[in-house]
Amino acid sequence: MPDDTAAYGLWSLVAINSAIFIFFAFTFFRPQTRRDWRSFGAFSAFLVALFAEMYGFPLTIYLLSGWLQSRYPNVNWFSHDAGHLLEMLFGWRANPHSGPFHILSFVLIGGGFVVISMSWKVLYEAQREHRLATTGPYAYVRHPQYVGFIMVMLGFLLQWPTLLTLAMFPVLVFMYVRLAKAEEREALSEFGDAYQRYRHEVPGFIPGIGSRSKGSVPGR
């Protein structure tokens, strides 16, 4: 059974957790261009919405409380542990923090931040030397930083799904895809055939899906 102690209305925790994770993402991503700040701002808004429901007001639980209480009458849905909805719905109620969805969420969140950090280092060196970024994570996908952000958001959704963040997720993914396409147009304009070959050999977002060739890419 989940802990029956209510843990909402803690707006200081909303502010602290939002600030910590936003700063953490900032140190990994280090936005520089206007486009960088736009993608980082959208990601920050996702985090604020998430922590507002995790510690502030459980809007999703409130809206679904009638249905949840009728289906699971022995669960105190306004306890903090019950906010781990997937663990509750699939029956992992003894300790949701050790449930499979929660563990998978940590893997995705940690892995996403690592991908963002590794990608930024490669991209920074490439920009400084005025060449294509094709090593490290860029050898497997063309837009690893956006993949990292999507991994982090998906991890948080598995850990603490809310109606608002579920609605925001596809919008943000669409936004990142549009930003990626804009970056590709700029790269084609700057690097021409070299980027065209790279684009044909390396998939955009999912490793192993969409590549045309297994040969080396320019600059590897």
C-alpha atoms as a PDB file:
ATOM      1  CA  MET A   1       0.000   0.000   0.000  1.00  0.00           C
ATOM      2  CA  PRO A   2       1.203   3.547  -0.692  1.00  0.00           C
ATOM      3  CA  ASP A   3       2.149   5.919   2.082  1.00  0.00           C
ATOM      4  CA  ASP A   4      -1.023   7.601   3.341  1.00  0.00           C
ATOM      5  CA  THR A   5       0.720  10.840   4.233  1.00  0.00           C
ATOM      6  CA  ALA A   6      -0.424  13.647   1.971  1.00  0.00           C
ATOM      7  CA  ALA A   7       2.451  15.529   0.361  1.00  0.00           C
ATOM      8  CA  TYR A   8       0.946  18.353  -1.663  1.00  0.00           C
ATOM      9  CA  GLY A   9       0.873  22.103  -1.282  1.00  0.00           C
ATOM     10  CA  LEU A  10       4.656  22.042  -0.942  1.00  0.00           C
ATOM     11  CA  TRP A  11       5.326  24.876  -3.363  1.00  0.00           C
ATOM     12  CA  SER A  12       8.813  25.420  -2.015  1.00  0.00           C
ATOM     13  CA  LEU A  13       9.673  21.908  -3.225  1.00  0.00           C
ATOM     14  CA  VAL A  14       8.167  22.754  -6.601  1.00  0.00           C
ATOM     15  CA  ALA A  15      10.500  25.740  -6.877  1.00  0.00           C
ATOM     16  CA  ILE A  16      13.564  23.898  -5.543  1.00  0.00           C
ATOM     17  CA  ASN A  17      13.172  20.799  -7.711  1.00  0.00           C
ATOM     18  CA  SER A  18      12.379  22.856 -10.807  1.00  0.00           C
ATOM     19  CA  ALA A  19      15.431  25.044 -10.226  1.00  0.00           C
ATOM     20  CA  ILE A  20      17.734  22.076  -9.607  1.00  0.00           C
ATOM     21  CA  PHE A  21      16.702  20.120 -12.697  1.00  0.00           C
ATOM     22  CA  ILE A  22      16.592  23.194 -14.937  1.00  0.00           C
ATOM     23  CA  PHE A  23      20.059  24.218 -13.786  1.00  0.00           C
ATOM     24  CA  PHE A  24      21.232  20.626 -14.205  1.00  0.00           C
ATOM     25  CA  ALA A  25      19.892  20.579 -17.772  1.00  0.00           C
ATOM     26  CA  PHE A  26      21.472  23.988 -18.418  1.00  0.00           C
ATOM     27  CA  THR A  27      24.923  22.744 -17.401  1.00  0.00           C
ATOM     28  CA  PHE A  28      24.515  19.772 -19.749  1.00  0.00           C
ATOM     29  CA  PHE A  29      23.009  21.653 -22.710  1.00  0.00           C
ATOM     30  CA  ARG A  30      24.530  25.150 -22.377  1.00  0.00           C
ATOM     31  CA  PRO A  31      22.198  26.961 -24.818  1.00  0.00           C
ATOM     32  CA  GLN A  32      23.840  29.602 -26.963  1.00  0.00           C
ATOM     33  CA  THR A  33      21.685  30.379 -29.984  1.00  0.00           C
ATOM     34  CA  ARG A  34      18.116  31.615 -29.994  1.00  0.00           C
ATOM     35  CA  ARG A  35      17.025  28.178 -31.167  1.00  0.00           C
ATOM     36  CA  ASP A  36      18.877  26.569 -28.261  1.00  0.00           C
ATOM     37  CA  TRP A  37      17.103  28.815 -25.777  1.00  0.00           C
ATOM     38  CA  ARG A  38      13.737  28.041 -27.341  1.00  0.00           C
ATOM     39  CA  SER A  39      14.193  24.279 -26.974  1.00  0.00           C
ATOM     40  CA  PHE A  40      15.621  24.696 -23.477  1.00  0.00           C
ATOM     41  CA  GLY A  41      12.715  26.948 -22.457  1.00  0.00           C
ATOM     42  CA  ALA A  42      10.142  24.415 -23.646  1.00  0.00           C
ATOM     43  CA  PHE A  43      11.913  21.676 -21.706  1.00  0.00           C
ATOM     44  CA  SER A  44      11.984  23.908 -18.592  1.00  0.00           C
ATOM     45  CA  ALA A  45       8.230  24.511 -18.885  1.00  0.00           C
ATOM     46  CA  PHE A  46       7.690  20.751 -18.968  1.00  0.00           C
ATOM     47  CA  LEU A  47       9.676  20.352 -15.737  1.00  0.00           C
ATOM     48  CA  VAL A  48       7.777  23.130 -13.953  1.00  0.00           C
ATOM     49  CA  ALA A  49       4.431  21.587 -14.959  1.00  0.00           C
ATOM     50  CA  LEU A  50       5.624  18.187 -13.746  1.00  0.00           C
ATOM     51  CA  PHE A  51       6.838  19.318 -10.316  1.00  0.00           C
ATOM     52  CA  ALA A  52       3.786  21.546  -9.825  1.00  0.00           C
ATOM     53  CA  GLU A  53       1.655  18.398  -9.823  1.00  0.00           C
ATOM     54  CA  MET A  54       4.206  16.252  -8.014  1.00  0.00           C
ATOM     55  CA  TYR A  55       4.439  18.542  -4.988  1.00  0.00           C
ATOM     56  CA  GLY A  56       1.997  21.413  -5.458  1.00  0.00           C
ATOM     57  CA  PHE A  57      -1.509  20.486  -6.567  1.00  0.00           C
ATOM     58  CA  PRO A  58      -2.331  17.004  -7.989  1.00  0.00           C
ATOM     59  CA  LEU A  59      -4.570  18.215 -10.809  1.00  0.00           C
ATOM     60  CA  THR A  60      -4.521  14.882 -12.648  1.00  0.00           C
ATOM     61  CA  ILE A  61      -5.456  12.921  -9.516  1.00  0.00           C
ATOM     62  CA  TYR A  62      -8.183  15.454  -8.747  1.00  0.00           C
ATOM     63  CA  LEU A  63      -9.728  15.210 -12.217  1.00  0.00           C
ATOM     64  CA  LEU A  64      -9.545  11.404 -12.292  1.00  0.00           C
ATOM     65  CA  SER A  65     -10.345  10.866  -8.599  1.00  0.00           C
ATOM     66  CA  GLY A  66     -13.894   9.587  -9.186  1.00  0.00           C
ATOM     67  CA  TRP A  67     -12.803   6.951 -11.657  1.00  0.00           C
ATOM     68  CA  LEU A  68      -9.692   6.002  -9.678  1.00  0.00           C
ATOM     69  CA  GLN A  69     -11.566   5.653  -6.388  1.00  0.00           C
ATOM     70  CA  SER A  70     -14.245   3.494  -7.968  1.00  0.00           C
ATOM     71  CA  ARG A  71     -11.678   1.172  -9.562  1.00  0.00           C
ATOM     72  CA  TYR A  72      -9.164   1.135  -6.686  1.00  0.00           C
ATOM     73  CA  PRO A  73     -11.123   1.875  -3.479  1.00  0.00           C
ATOM     74  CA  ASN A  74      -8.315   0.786  -1.132  1.00  0.00           C
ATOM     75  CA  VAL A  75      -5.815   3.364  -2.386  1.00  0.00           C
ATOM     76  CA  ASN A  76      -5.511   6.819  -0.867  1.00  0.00           C
ATOM     77  CA  TRP A  77      -5.154   8.655  -4.165  1.00  0.00           C
ATOM     78  CA  PHE A  78      -4.124  11.916  -2.502  1.00  0.00           C
ATOM     79  CA  SER A  79      -1.068  10.374  -0.872  1.00  0.00           C
ATOM     80  CA  HIS A  80       2.259  11.143  -2.517  1.00  0.00           C
ATOM     81  CA  ASP A  81       3.082   7.549  -3.450  1.00  0.00           C
ATOM     82  CA  ALA A  82      -0.197   7.224  -5.336  1.00  0.00           C
ATOM     83  CA  GLY A  83       1.044   9.893  -7.755  1.00  0.00           C
ATOM     84  CA  HIS A  84       3.171   7.152  -9.302  1.00  0.00           C
ATOM     85  CA  LEU A  85       0.131   6.232 -11.333  1.00  0.00           C
ATOM     86  CA  LEU A  86       1.611   3.492 -13.494  1.00  0.00           C
ATOM     87  CA  GLU A  87       2.864   1.561 -10.478  1.00  0.00           C
ATOM     88  CA  MET A  88      -0.543   1.943  -8.823  1.00  0.00           C
ATOM     89  CA  LEU A  89      -2.554   0.977 -11.890  1.00  0.00           C
ATOM     90  CA  PHE A  90      -0.414  -2.067 -12.637  1.00  0.00           C
ATOM     91  CA  GLY A  91      -0.461  -3.237  -9.034  1.00  0.00           C
ATOM     92  CA  TRP A  92       3.067  -2.356  -7.834  1.00  0.00           C
ATOM     93  CA  ARG A  93       1.822  -0.739  -4.634  1.00  0.00           C
ATOM     94  CA  ALA A  94       4.131  -2.029  -1.910  1.00  0.00           C
ATOM     95  CA  ASN A  95       6.850   0.505  -2.749  1.00  0.00           C
ATOM     96  CA  PRO A  96       6.331   2.348  -6.035  1.00  0.00           C
ATOM     97  CA  HIS A  97       9.873   3.749  -5.886  1.00  0.00           C
ATOM     98  CA  SER A  98      11.241   0.247  -6.524  1.00  0.00           C
ATOM     99  CA  GLY A  99       8.673  -0.550  -9.216  1.00  0.00           C
ATOM    100  CA  PRO A 100       9.671  -1.324 -12.826  1.00  0.00           C
ATOM    101  CA  PHE A 101       8.336   1.932 -14.264  1.00  0.00           C
ATOM    102  CA  HIS A 102      10.175   3.996 -11.671  1.00  0.00           C
ATOM    103  CA  ILE A 103      13.460   2.160 -12.283  1.00  0.00           C
ATOM    104  CA  LEU A 104      13.075   2.507 -16.060  1.00  0.00           C
ATOM    105  CA  SER A 105      12.388   6.219 -15.594  1.00  0.00           C
ATOM    106  CA  PHE A 106      15.721   6.680 -13.812  1.00  0.00           C
ATOM    107  CA  VAL A 107      17.513   4.868 -16.644  1.00  0.00           C
ATOM    108  CA  LEU A 108      15.913   7.149 -19.245  1.00  0.00           C
ATOM    109  CA  ILE A 109      16.446  10.358 -17.263  1.00  0.00           C
ATOM    110  CA  GLY A 110      20.084   9.573 -16.451  1.00  0.00           C
ATOM    111  CA  GLY A 111      20.786   8.294 -19.946  1.00  0.00           C
ATOM    112  CA  GLY A 112      19.147  11.345 -21.495  1.00  0.00           C
ATOM    113  CA  PHE A 113      21.315  13.763 -19.532  1.00  0.00           C
ATOM    114  CA  VAL A 114      24.441  11.781 -20.466  1.00  0.00           C
ATOM    115  CA  VAL A 115      23.494  11.920 -24.168  1.00  0.00           C
ATOM    116  CA  ILE A 116      22.883  15.682 -23.939  1.00  0.00           C
ATOM    117  CA  SER A 117      26.230  16.260 -22.238  1.00  0.00           C
ATOM    118  CA  MET A 118      28.241  14.093 -24.640  1.00  0.00           C
ATOM    119  CA  SER A 119      26.532  15.658 -27.636  1.00  0.00           C
ATOM    120  CA  TRP A 120      27.202  19.204 -26.494  1.00  0.00           C
ATOM    121  CA  LYS A 121      30.932  18.528 -26.131  1.00  0.00           C
ATOM    122  CA  VAL A 122      31.165  17.111 -29.660  1.00  0.00           C
ATOM    123  CA  LEU A 123      29.071  19.925 -31.121  1.00  0.00           C
ATOM    124  CA  TYR A 124      31.056  22.618 -29.317  1.00  0.00           C
ATOM    125  CA  GLU A 125      34.361  21.317 -30.686  1.00  0.00           C
ATOM    126  CA  ALA A 126      32.909  20.991 -34.189  1.00  0.00           C
ATOM    127  CA  GLN A 127      31.537  24.536 -34.153  1.00  0.00           C
ATOM    128  CA  ARG A 128      34.836  25.890 -32.890  1.00  0.00           C
ATOM    129  CA  GLU A 129      36.677  24.168 -35.738  1.00  0.00           C
ATOM    130  CA  HIS A 130      33.957  25.015 -38.313  1.00  0.00           C
ATOM    131  CA  ARG A 131      33.309  21.401 -39.268  1.00  0.00           C
ATOM    132  CA  LEU A 132      30.496  18.877 -39.089  1.00  0.00           C
ATOM    133  CA  ALA A 133      29.786  17.120 -35.789  1.00  0.00           C
ATOM    134  CA  THR A 134      29.913  13.456 -36.757  1.00  0.00           C
ATOM    135  CA  THR A 135      31.647  11.710 -33.842  1.00  0.00           C
ATOM    136  CA  GLY A 136      30.402  10.465 -30.476  1.00  0.00           C
ATOM    137  CA  PRO A 137      26.585  10.406 -30.336  1.00  0.00           C
ATOM    138  CA  TYR A 138      26.510  12.150 -33.744  1.00  0.00           C
ATOM    139  CA  ALA A 139      27.898   8.999 -35.307  1.00  0.00           C
ATOM    140  CA  TYR A 140      24.630   7.210 -34.431  1.00  0.00           C
ATOM    141  CA  VAL A 141      21.949   9.904 -34.825  1.00  0.00           C
ATOM    142  CA  ARG A 142      21.984  13.371 -36.361  1.00  0.00           C
ATOM    143  CA  HIS A 143      20.182  15.073 -33.476  1.00  0.00           C
ATOM    144  CA  PRO A 144      21.353  13.407 -30.252  1.00  0.00           C
ATOM    145  CA  GLN A 145      20.712  16.438 -28.023  1.00  0.00           C
ATOM    146  CA  TYR A 146      17.032  16.433 -28.921  1.00  0.00           C
ATOM    147  CA  VAL A 147      16.966  12.661 -28.432  1.00  0.00           C
ATOM    148  CA  GLY A 148      18.386  13.264 -24.950  1.00  0.00           C
ATOM    149  CA  PHE A 149      15.660  15.764 -24.070  1.00  0.00           C
ATOM    150  CA  ILE A 150      12.983  13.367 -25.300  1.00  0.00           C
ATOM    151  CA  MET A 151      14.497  10.558 -23.201  1.00  0.00           C
ATOM    152  CA  VAL A 152      14.436  12.741 -20.067  1.00  0.00           C
ATOM    153  CA  MET A 153      10.818  13.794 -20.633  1.00  0.00           C
ATOM    154  CA  LEU A 154       9.735  10.221 -21.333  1.00  0.00           C
ATOM    155  CA  GLY A 155      11.472   9.119 -18.142  1.00  0.00           C
ATOM    156  CA  PHE A 156       9.590  11.675 -16.074  1.00  0.00           C
ATOM    157  CA  LEU A 157       6.316  10.622 -17.722  1.00  0.00           C
ATOM    158  CA  LEU A 158       6.912   7.016 -16.686  1.00  0.00           C
ATOM    159  CA  GLN A 159       7.707   8.115 -13.148  1.00  0.00           C
ATOM    160  CA  TRP A 160       4.921  10.655 -12.639  1.00  0.00           C
ATOM    161  CA  PRO A 161       2.423  10.899 -15.534  1.00  0.00           C
ATOM    162  CA  THR A 162       0.094  13.901 -15.551  1.00  0.00           C
ATOM    163  CA  LEU A 163      -2.533  15.046 -18.032  1.00  0.00           C
ATOM    164  CA  LEU A 164      -0.679  18.315 -18.663  1.00  0.00           C
ATOM    165  CA  THR A 165       2.738  16.786 -19.306  1.00  0.00           C
ATOM    166  CA  LEU A 166       1.171  14.037 -21.416  1.00  0.00           C
ATOM    167  CA  ALA A 167      -0.386  16.780 -23.544  1.00  0.00           C
ATOM    168  CA  MET A 168       2.878  18.731 -23.671  1.00  0.00           C
ATOM    169  CA  PHE A 169       5.045  15.754 -24.634  1.00  0.00           C
ATOM    170  CA  PRO A 170       3.920  15.287 -28.290  1.00  0.00           C
ATOM    171  CA  VAL A 171       3.919  19.064 -28.790  1.00  0.00           C
ATOM    172  CA  LEU A 172       7.518  19.281 -27.580  1.00  0.00           C
ATOM    173  CA  VAL A 173       8.572  16.301 -29.698  1.00  0.00           C
ATOM    174  CA  PHE A 174       7.012  17.987 -32.741  1.00  0.00           C
ATOM    175  CA  MET A 175       8.825  21.201 -31.839  1.00  0.00           C
ATOM    176  CA  TYR A 176      12.170  19.406 -31.587  1.00  0.00           C
ATOM    177  CA  VAL A 177      11.603  17.732 -34.955  1.00  0.00           C
ATOM    178  CA  ARG A 178      10.883  21.130 -36.533  1.00  0.00           C
ATOM    179  CA  LEU A 179      13.975  22.629 -34.937  1.00  0.00           C
ATOM    180  CA  ALA A 180      16.028  19.687 -36.197  1.00  0.00           C
ATOM    181  CA  LYS A 181      14.780  20.225 -39.744  1.00  0.00           C
ATOM    182  CA  ALA A 182      15.639  23.926 -39.538  1.00  0.00           C
ATOM    183  CA  GLU A 183      19.151  23.040 -38.359  1.00  0.00           C
ATOM    184  CA  GLU A 184      19.534  20.597 -41.231  1.00  0.00           C
ATOM    185  CA  ARG A 185      18.639  23.269 -43.775  1.00  0.00           C
ATOM    186  CA  GLU A 186      21.324  25.496 -42.282  1.00  0.00           C
ATOM    187  CA  ALA A 187      23.852  22.646 -42.280  1.00  0.00           C
ATOM    188  CA  LEU A 188      23.102  21.866 -45.926  1.00  0.00           C
ATOM    189  CA  SER A 189      23.613  25.510 -46.800  1.00  0.00           C
ATOM    190  CA  GLU A 190      26.938  25.622 -44.945  1.00  0.00           C
ATOM    191  CA  PHE A 191      28.422  22.183 -45.667  1.00  0.00           C
ATOM    192  CA  GLY A 192      26.659  21.156 -48.870  1.00  0.00           C
ATOM    193  CA  ASP A 193      27.469  17.665 -50.156  1.00  0.00           C
ATOM    194  CA  ALA A 194      29.342  16.702 -46.990  1.00  0.00           C
ATOM    195  CA  TYR A 195      26.200  17.092 -44.908  1.00  0.00           C
ATOM    196  CA  GLN A 196      24.092  15.470 -47.604  1.00  0.00           C
ATOM    197  CA  ARG A 197      26.275  12.336 -47.390  1.00  0.00           C
ATOM    198  CA  TYR A 198      26.146  12.429 -43.601  1.00  0.00           C
ATOM    199  CA  ARG A 199      22.357  12.720 -43.663  1.00  0.00           C
ATOM    200  CA  HIS A 200      22.072   9.715 -45.968  1.00  0.00           C
ATOM    201  CA  GLU A 201      24.292   7.562 -43.763  1.00  0.00           C
ATOM    202  CA  VAL A 202      23.114   8.497 -40.245  1.00  0.00           C
ATOM    203  CA  PRO A 203      19.467   8.375 -39.055  1.00  0.00           C
ATOM    204  CA  GLY A 204      17.848  11.438 -37.564  1.00  0.00           C
ATOM    205  CA  PHE A 205      16.553  10.301 -34.169  1.00  0.00           C
ATOM    206  CA  ILE A 206      16.530   6.504 -33.809  1.00  0.00           C
ATOM    207  CA  PRO A 207      19.851   4.619 -34.115  1.00  0.00           C
ATOM    208  CA  GLY A 208      19.840   1.983 -36.818  1.00  0.00           C
ATOM    209  CA  ILE A 209      16.623   3.199 -38.429  1.00  0.00           C
ATOM    210  CA  GLY A 210      16.781   5.259 -41.576  1.00  0.00           C
ATOM    211  CA  SER A 211      20.492   5.029 -42.429  1.00  0.00           C
ATOM    212  CA  ARG A 212      21.375   4.199 -46.015  1.00  0.00           C
ATOM    213  CA  SER A 213      24.963   3.074 -45.578  1.00  0.00           C
ATOM    214  CA  LYS A 214      27.212   1.475 -42.981  1.00  0.00           C
ATOM    215  CA  GLY A 215      30.312   3.253 -44.265  1.00  0.00           C
ATOM    216  CA  SER A 216      32.117   5.988 -42.378  1.00  0.00           C
ATOM    217  CA  VAL A 217      30.679   9.491 -42.414  1.00  0.00           C
ATOM    218  CA  PRO A 218      32.670  12.637 -43.174  1.00  0.00           C
ATOM    219  CA  GLY A 219      34.900  13.651 -40.340  1.00  0.00           C
ATOM    220  CA  ARG A 220      34.830  10.343 -38.432  1.00  0.00           C
END
